Amino acid sequence: MNANIKAGATNGPRTRQPAPASAVPAAQAGTVTKKDLVNRIADRTGETKVVTKNIIQMFLDEIIRELSSGNRLEFRDFGVFEVKPRRARRAQNPRTLEKVSVPPKKVVKFKVGRVMRECVTTQTPASTAEADAD
């Protein structure tokens, strides 16, 4: 056995086991997809994944519909979504240094609510923070 290779080590490709979610630092946290959320919510509620996915999609579609109508969406303790106008401006292409004009447009802004801010800054799971707040 080669002195440089420890017992039990292989020369093949190494696979890294993912760390538990609670052990992953915020900077290295992974991406959670809509499918992941559907699976979690379906498991908790006992609903089918198809029904859960349809409900979540309807919720997201309603958010889009309300924002495109110019309405402000407020979810207490979670946050506020609103559409704000952005003025026209002059910008510079970083590659060519050419000046370009950027037309006015509308952008969606999100202001974080109290519970979310506390959970994110203290890294406390939301279910624990909700129980503490009640």
N, C-alpha and C. Protein backbone atom coordinates (compact mmCIF):
# COMPACT_ATOMS: atom_id res chain seq x y z
N MET A 1 0.84 -1.18 0.00
CA MET A 1 0.00 0.00 0.00
C MET A 1 0.88 1.23 0.00
N ASN A 2 0.52 2.19 -0.79
CA ASN A 2 1.27 3.42 -0.90
C ASN A 2 1.18 4.20 0.40
N ALA A 3 2.29 4.76 0.85
CA ALA A 3 2.33 5.48 2.12
C ALA A 3 1.51 6.77 2.06
N ASN A 4 1.30 7.32 0.86
CA ASN A 4 0.55 8.56 0.72
C ASN A 4 -0.96 8.37 0.76
N ILE A 5 -1.42 7.11 0.57
CA ILE A 5 -2.86 6.85 0.57
C ILE A 5 -3.23 6.24 1.91
N LYS A 6 -4.19 6.84 2.58
CA LYS A 6 -4.63 6.34 3.88
C LYS A 6 -5.47 5.09 3.68
N ALA A 7 -5.55 4.27 4.69
CA ALA A 7 -6.34 3.06 4.63
C ALA A 7 -7.80 3.42 4.36
N GLY A 8 -8.42 2.67 3.43
CA GLY A 8 -9.81 2.91 3.12
C GLY A 8 -10.03 3.96 2.05
N ALA A 9 -9.02 4.68 1.65
CA ALA A 9 -9.17 5.72 0.63
C ALA A 9 -9.15 5.08 -0.75
N THR A 10 -9.81 5.73 -1.69
CA THR A 10 -9.82 5.21 -3.05
C THR A 10 -9.25 6.28 -3.97
N ASN A 11 -8.84 5.85 -5.13
CA ASN A 11 -8.32 6.80 -6.12
C ASN A 11 -9.41 7.32 -7.03
N GLY A 12 -10.66 6.82 -6.90
CA GLY A 12 -11.78 7.24 -7.75
C GLY A 12 -12.28 8.62 -7.37
N PRO A 13 -13.30 9.07 -8.08
CA PRO A 13 -13.86 10.40 -7.78
C PRO A 13 -14.48 10.42 -6.38
N ARG A 14 -14.28 11.51 -5.72
CA ARG A 14 -14.81 11.65 -4.37
C ARG A 14 -16.18 12.30 -4.44
N THR A 15 -17.10 11.80 -3.66
CA THR A 15 -18.41 12.42 -3.57
C THR A 15 -18.54 13.00 -2.18
N ARG A 16 -19.09 14.18 -2.14
CA ARG A 16 -19.23 14.87 -0.87
C ARG A 16 -20.66 14.73 -0.40
N GLN A 17 -20.84 14.27 0.82
CA GLN A 17 -22.17 14.14 1.38
C GLN A 17 -22.65 15.51 1.81
N PRO A 18 -23.91 15.88 1.46
CA PRO A 18 -24.41 17.19 1.87
C PRO A 18 -24.57 17.26 3.39
N ALA A 19 -24.26 18.44 3.92
CA ALA A 19 -24.40 18.65 5.36
C ALA A 19 -25.87 18.85 5.68
N PRO A 20 -26.29 18.51 6.90
CA PRO A 20 -27.67 18.79 7.28
C PRO A 20 -27.97 20.27 7.13
N ALA A 21 -29.22 20.61 6.82
CA ALA A 21 -29.61 22.00 6.55
C ALA A 21 -29.23 22.92 7.69
N SER A 22 -29.35 22.46 8.93
CA SER A 22 -29.04 23.31 10.07
C SER A 22 -27.54 23.58 10.19
N ALA A 23 -26.71 22.72 9.58
CA ALA A 23 -25.28 22.88 9.69
C ALA A 23 -24.68 23.69 8.55
N VAL A 24 -25.48 24.00 7.54
CA VAL A 24 -24.97 24.73 6.38
C VAL A 24 -24.97 26.23 6.69
N PRO A 25 -23.81 26.88 6.59
CA PRO A 25 -23.77 28.32 6.80
C PRO A 25 -24.62 29.03 5.77
N ALA A 26 -25.14 30.22 6.11
CA ALA A 26 -26.02 30.97 5.23
C ALA A 26 -25.35 31.24 3.88
N ALA A 27 -24.07 31.52 3.86
CA ALA A 27 -23.37 31.84 2.61
C ALA A 27 -23.31 30.63 1.69
N GLN A 28 -23.42 29.41 2.24
CA GLN A 28 -23.32 28.21 1.44
C GLN A 28 -24.67 27.50 1.31
N ALA A 29 -25.75 28.14 1.72
CA ALA A 29 -27.06 27.51 1.65
C ALA A 29 -27.40 27.21 0.21
N GLY A 30 -28.16 26.13 0.01
CA GLY A 30 -28.54 25.72 -1.33
C GLY A 30 -29.78 26.43 -1.81
N THR A 31 -30.23 26.03 -2.99
CA THR A 31 -31.43 26.59 -3.59
C THR A 31 -32.61 25.69 -3.30
N VAL A 32 -33.70 26.27 -2.89
CA VAL A 32 -34.94 25.53 -2.67
C VAL A 32 -35.86 25.86 -3.83
N THR A 33 -36.36 24.83 -4.50
CA THR A 33 -37.22 25.03 -5.65
C THR A 33 -38.69 24.96 -5.25
N LYS A 34 -39.55 25.34 -6.19
CA LYS A 34 -40.99 25.24 -5.94
C LYS A 34 -41.36 23.78 -5.68
N LYS A 35 -40.72 22.87 -6.38
CA LYS A 35 -40.99 21.43 -6.19
C LYS A 35 -40.66 21.01 -4.76
N ASP A 36 -39.55 21.52 -4.21
CA ASP A 36 -39.18 21.22 -2.82
C ASP A 36 -40.27 21.71 -1.86
N LEU A 37 -40.74 22.93 -2.09
CA LEU A 37 -41.78 23.49 -1.23
C LEU A 37 -43.08 22.70 -1.36
N VAL A 38 -43.43 22.31 -2.58
CA VAL A 38 -44.64 21.51 -2.80
C VAL A 38 -44.54 20.21 -2.01
N ASN A 39 -43.40 19.55 -2.09
CA ASN A 39 -43.22 18.29 -1.37
C ASN A 39 -43.36 18.48 0.13
N ARG A 40 -42.73 19.50 0.69
CA ARG A 40 -42.80 19.75 2.13
C ARG A 40 -44.23 20.04 2.58
N ILE A 41 -44.90 20.93 1.84
CA ILE A 41 -46.26 21.33 2.23
C ILE A 41 -47.22 20.16 2.07
N ALA A 42 -47.07 19.39 1.00
CA ALA A 42 -47.93 18.22 0.80
C ALA A 42 -47.75 17.21 1.93
N ASP A 43 -46.51 17.00 2.34
CA ASP A 43 -46.24 16.07 3.45
C ASP A 43 -46.88 16.55 4.75
N ARG A 44 -46.78 17.86 5.01
CA ARG A 44 -47.33 18.41 6.26
C ARG A 44 -48.85 18.42 6.28
N THR A 45 -49.46 18.71 5.13
CA THR A 45 -50.91 18.86 5.10
C THR A 45 -51.65 17.58 4.78
N GLY A 46 -50.96 16.62 4.20
CA GLY A 46 -51.62 15.39 3.80
C GLY A 46 -52.32 15.51 2.44
N GLU A 47 -52.22 16.66 1.80
CA GLU A 47 -52.79 16.86 0.46
C GLU A 47 -51.88 16.20 -0.56
N THR A 48 -52.43 15.98 -1.75
CA THR A 48 -51.60 15.42 -2.81
C THR A 48 -50.66 16.50 -3.33
N LYS A 49 -49.59 16.08 -3.95
CA LYS A 49 -48.63 17.03 -4.50
C LYS A 49 -49.25 17.84 -5.64
N VAL A 50 -50.13 17.23 -6.41
CA VAL A 50 -50.77 17.92 -7.53
C VAL A 50 -51.64 19.06 -7.01
N VAL A 51 -52.45 18.79 -6.00
CA VAL A 51 -53.32 19.82 -5.43
C VAL A 51 -52.48 20.92 -4.80
N THR A 52 -51.45 20.53 -4.05
CA THR A 52 -50.58 21.50 -3.40
C THR A 52 -49.89 22.38 -4.43
N LYS A 53 -49.38 21.78 -5.50
CA LYS A 53 -48.70 22.55 -6.55
C LYS A 53 -49.67 23.54 -7.19
N ASN A 54 -50.91 23.10 -7.45
CA ASN A 54 -51.90 23.99 -8.06
C ASN A 54 -52.22 25.17 -7.14
N ILE A 55 -52.34 24.92 -5.85
CA ILE A 55 -52.63 26.01 -4.91
C ILE A 55 -51.48 27.00 -4.85
N ILE A 56 -50.25 26.49 -4.76
CA ILE A 56 -49.08 27.37 -4.71
C ILE A 56 -48.98 28.18 -6.00
N GLN A 57 -49.23 27.54 -7.15
CA GLN A 57 -49.15 28.25 -8.42
C GLN A 57 -50.23 29.32 -8.52
N MET A 58 -51.45 29.02 -8.02
CA MET A 58 -52.51 30.02 -8.03
C MET A 58 -52.13 31.21 -7.14
N PHE A 59 -51.51 30.93 -6.00
CA PHE A 59 -51.06 31.99 -5.10
C PHE A 59 -50.04 32.88 -5.79
N LEU A 60 -49.06 32.28 -6.44
CA LEU A 60 -48.03 33.04 -7.14
C LEU A 60 -48.63 33.84 -8.31
N ASP A 61 -49.57 33.22 -9.02
CA ASP A 61 -50.23 33.93 -10.13
C ASP A 61 -51.00 35.14 -9.63
N GLU A 62 -51.65 35.02 -8.48
CA GLU A 62 -52.39 36.14 -7.90
C GLU A 62 -51.45 37.27 -7.49
N ILE A 63 -50.28 36.93 -6.96
CA ILE A 63 -49.30 37.95 -6.61
C ILE A 63 -48.89 38.71 -7.87
N ILE A 64 -48.60 37.99 -8.93
CA ILE A 64 -48.21 38.61 -10.20
C ILE A 64 -49.35 39.49 -10.73
N ARG A 65 -50.56 38.99 -10.69
CA ARG A 65 -51.72 39.73 -11.20
C ARG A 65 -51.91 41.03 -10.42
N GLU A 66 -51.82 40.97 -9.10
CA GLU A 66 -52.01 42.16 -8.28
C GLU A 66 -50.90 43.19 -8.50
N LEU A 67 -49.66 42.72 -8.58
CA LEU A 67 -48.54 43.64 -8.81
C LEU A 67 -48.63 44.28 -10.19
N SER A 68 -49.04 43.50 -11.20
CA SER A 68 -49.15 44.07 -12.55
C SER A 68 -50.30 45.07 -12.64
N SER A 69 -51.26 44.97 -11.71
CA SER A 69 -52.35 45.95 -11.65
C SER A 69 -51.96 47.19 -10.86
N GLY A 70 -50.76 47.17 -10.31
CA GLY A 70 -50.27 48.32 -9.56
C GLY A 70 -50.59 48.27 -8.07
N ASN A 71 -51.13 47.15 -7.61
CA ASN A 71 -51.48 47.03 -6.19
C ASN A 71 -50.29 46.65 -5.33
N ARG A 72 -50.37 47.02 -4.08
CA ARG A 72 -49.36 46.71 -3.07
C ARG A 72 -49.84 45.48 -2.31
N LEU A 73 -48.96 44.52 -2.09
CA LEU A 73 -49.31 43.30 -1.35
C LEU A 73 -48.61 43.31 -0.01
N GLU A 74 -49.37 43.22 1.05
CA GLU A 74 -48.79 43.25 2.39
C GLU A 74 -49.14 41.96 3.12
N PHE A 75 -48.10 41.24 3.51
CA PHE A 75 -48.25 40.02 4.31
C PHE A 75 -47.64 40.33 5.67
N ARG A 76 -48.48 40.53 6.66
CA ARG A 76 -48.01 40.93 7.99
C ARG A 76 -46.89 40.03 8.48
N ASP A 77 -45.87 40.63 9.04
CA ASP A 77 -44.69 39.96 9.60
C ASP A 77 -43.79 39.29 8.55
N PHE A 78 -44.30 39.08 7.32
CA PHE A 78 -43.49 38.49 6.26
C PHE A 78 -42.82 39.57 5.44
N GLY A 79 -43.64 40.47 4.87
CA GLY A 79 -43.08 41.55 4.08
C GLY A 79 -44.10 42.18 3.16
N VAL A 80 -43.65 43.16 2.40
CA VAL A 80 -44.52 43.93 1.50
C VAL A 80 -43.90 43.93 0.10
N PHE A 81 -44.73 43.59 -0.89
CA PHE A 81 -44.35 43.69 -2.29
C PHE A 81 -45.04 44.91 -2.87
N GLU A 82 -44.30 45.72 -3.62
CA GLU A 82 -44.93 46.83 -4.31
C GLU A 82 -44.14 47.18 -5.56
N VAL A 83 -44.85 47.79 -6.52
CA VAL A 83 -44.23 48.21 -7.77
C VAL A 83 -43.86 49.67 -7.64
N LYS A 84 -42.61 49.99 -7.98
CA LYS A 84 -42.14 51.38 -7.92
C LYS A 84 -41.59 51.76 -9.29
N PRO A 85 -41.80 53.01 -9.68
CA PRO A 85 -41.23 53.46 -10.96
C PRO A 85 -39.74 53.76 -10.81
N ARG A 86 -39.02 53.49 -11.85
CA ARG A 86 -37.59 53.85 -11.89
C ARG A 86 -37.41 54.86 -13.01
N ARG A 87 -36.74 55.97 -12.70
CA ARG A 87 -36.53 57.04 -13.69
C ARG A 87 -35.59 56.60 -14.81
N ALA A 88 -35.69 57.31 -15.92
CA ALA A 88 -34.74 57.10 -17.02
C ALA A 88 -33.38 57.60 -16.54
N ARG A 89 -32.32 57.00 -17.05
CA ARG A 89 -30.98 57.41 -16.61
C ARG A 89 -29.96 57.12 -17.70
N ARG A 90 -28.78 57.67 -17.50
CA ARG A 90 -27.65 57.40 -18.39
C ARG A 90 -26.76 56.37 -17.71
N ALA A 91 -26.37 55.36 -18.45
CA ALA A 91 -25.50 54.33 -17.90
C ALA A 91 -24.31 54.14 -18.84
N GLN A 92 -23.38 53.29 -18.41
CA GLN A 92 -22.19 53.06 -19.20
C GLN A 92 -21.97 51.58 -19.38
N ASN A 93 -21.75 51.15 -20.61
CA ASN A 93 -21.44 49.76 -20.89
C ASN A 93 -20.03 49.49 -20.35
N PRO A 94 -19.88 48.56 -19.41
CA PRO A 94 -18.56 48.33 -18.81
C PRO A 94 -17.51 47.78 -19.78
N ARG A 95 -17.94 47.10 -20.84
CA ARG A 95 -16.98 46.55 -21.79
C ARG A 95 -16.46 47.60 -22.76
N THR A 96 -17.40 48.39 -23.30
CA THR A 96 -17.01 49.36 -24.33
C THR A 96 -16.89 50.77 -23.80
N LEU A 97 -17.33 51.01 -22.58
CA LEU A 97 -17.37 52.32 -21.93
C LEU A 97 -18.27 53.30 -22.68
N GLU A 98 -19.11 52.77 -23.56
CA GLU A 98 -20.04 53.59 -24.31
C GLU A 98 -21.20 54.01 -23.41
N LYS A 99 -21.60 55.27 -23.52
CA LYS A 99 -22.73 55.79 -22.76
C LYS A 99 -24.03 55.34 -23.44
N VAL A 100 -24.96 54.85 -22.65
CA VAL A 100 -26.25 54.42 -23.17
C VAL A 100 -27.36 55.01 -22.31
N SER A 101 -28.51 55.22 -22.91
CA SER A 101 -29.63 55.71 -22.12
C SER A 101 -30.53 54.53 -21.76
N VAL A 102 -30.92 54.48 -20.49
CA VAL A 102 -31.78 53.43 -19.99
C VAL A 102 -33.16 54.05 -19.81
N PRO A 103 -34.18 53.47 -20.44
CA PRO A 103 -35.52 54.07 -20.35
C PRO A 103 -36.15 53.87 -18.97
N PRO A 104 -37.16 54.66 -18.64
CA PRO A 104 -37.84 54.45 -17.36
C PRO A 104 -38.54 53.10 -17.34
N LYS A 105 -38.69 52.52 -16.18
CA LYS A 105 -39.39 51.24 -16.07
C LYS A 105 -39.94 51.07 -14.68
N LYS A 106 -40.74 50.06 -14.50
CA LYS A 106 -41.30 49.72 -13.19
C LYS A 106 -40.55 48.51 -12.66
N VAL A 107 -40.27 48.52 -11.36
CA VAL A 107 -39.59 47.39 -10.72
C VAL A 107 -40.36 46.96 -9.49
N VAL A 108 -40.26 45.69 -9.15
CA VAL A 108 -40.91 45.17 -7.95
C VAL A 108 -39.93 45.30 -6.80
N LYS A 109 -40.39 45.89 -5.72
CA LYS A 109 -39.58 46.04 -4.51
C LYS A 109 -40.18 45.17 -3.43
N PHE A 110 -39.33 44.65 -2.56
CA PHE A 110 -39.79 43.85 -1.43
C PHE A 110 -39.17 44.40 -0.17
N LYS A 111 -40.01 44.68 0.80
CA LYS A 111 -39.54 45.15 2.10
C LYS A 111 -39.79 44.03 3.10
N VAL A 112 -38.74 43.60 3.76
CA VAL A 112 -38.80 42.46 4.68
C VAL A 112 -39.62 42.81 5.92
N GLY A 113 -40.45 41.86 6.34
CA GLY A 113 -41.25 42.03 7.55
C GLY A 113 -40.49 41.65 8.80
N ARG A 114 -41.10 41.93 9.95
CA ARG A 114 -40.45 41.74 11.24
C ARG A 114 -40.04 40.28 11.51
N VAL A 115 -40.97 39.35 11.35
CA VAL A 115 -40.66 37.95 11.67
C VAL A 115 -39.57 37.41 10.76
N MET A 116 -39.66 37.71 9.46
CA MET A 116 -38.63 37.23 8.54
C MET A 116 -37.28 37.83 8.88
N ARG A 117 -37.24 39.13 9.16
CA ARG A 117 -35.98 39.80 9.51
C ARG A 117 -35.36 39.14 10.73
N GLU A 118 -36.17 38.89 11.75
CA GLU A 118 -35.65 38.27 12.98
C GLU A 118 -35.14 36.86 12.72
N CYS A 119 -35.88 36.08 11.94
CA CYS A 119 -35.47 34.70 11.65
C CYS A 119 -34.18 34.66 10.83
N VAL A 120 -34.06 35.55 9.87
CA VAL A 120 -32.88 35.55 9.01
C VAL A 120 -31.65 36.06 9.77
N THR A 121 -31.82 37.12 10.57
CA THR A 121 -30.67 37.69 11.26
C THR A 121 -30.21 36.83 12.44
N THR A 122 -31.14 36.13 13.09
CA THR A 122 -30.75 35.29 14.22
C THR A 122 -30.59 33.84 13.80
N GLN A 123 -30.92 33.53 12.55
CA GLN A 123 -30.87 32.18 12.00
C GLN A 123 -31.71 31.22 12.84
N THR A 124 -32.88 31.71 13.29
CA THR A 124 -33.83 30.89 14.02
C THR A 124 -34.86 30.36 13.03
N PRO A 125 -35.16 29.06 13.06
CA PRO A 125 -36.18 28.54 12.13
C PRO A 125 -37.51 29.27 12.36
N ALA A 126 -38.26 29.48 11.28
CA ALA A 126 -39.51 30.24 11.35
C ALA A 126 -40.52 29.60 12.30
N SER A 127 -40.59 28.28 12.33
CA SER A 127 -41.57 27.65 13.22
C SER A 127 -41.28 27.95 14.67
N THR A 128 -40.02 28.05 15.04
CA THR A 128 -39.64 28.38 16.43
C THR A 128 -39.96 29.84 16.72
N ALA A 129 -39.66 30.73 15.76
CA ALA A 129 -39.90 32.16 15.96
C ALA A 129 -41.39 32.43 16.07
N GLU A 130 -42.22 31.73 15.27
CA GLU A 130 -43.66 31.93 15.33
C GLU A 130 -44.20 31.49 16.68
N ALA A 131 -43.68 30.37 17.21
CA ALA A 131 -44.14 29.88 18.49
C ALA A 131 -43.76 30.85 19.61
N ASP A 132 -42.57 31.45 19.49
CA ASP A 132 -42.11 32.42 20.50
C ASP A 132 -42.95 33.69 20.45
N ALA A 133 -43.39 34.09 19.23
CA ALA A 133 -44.14 35.33 19.08
C ALA A 133 -45.56 35.21 19.62
N ASP A 134 -46.11 33.99 19.65
CA ASP A 134 -47.50 33.80 20.11
C ASP A 134 -47.64 33.82 21.60
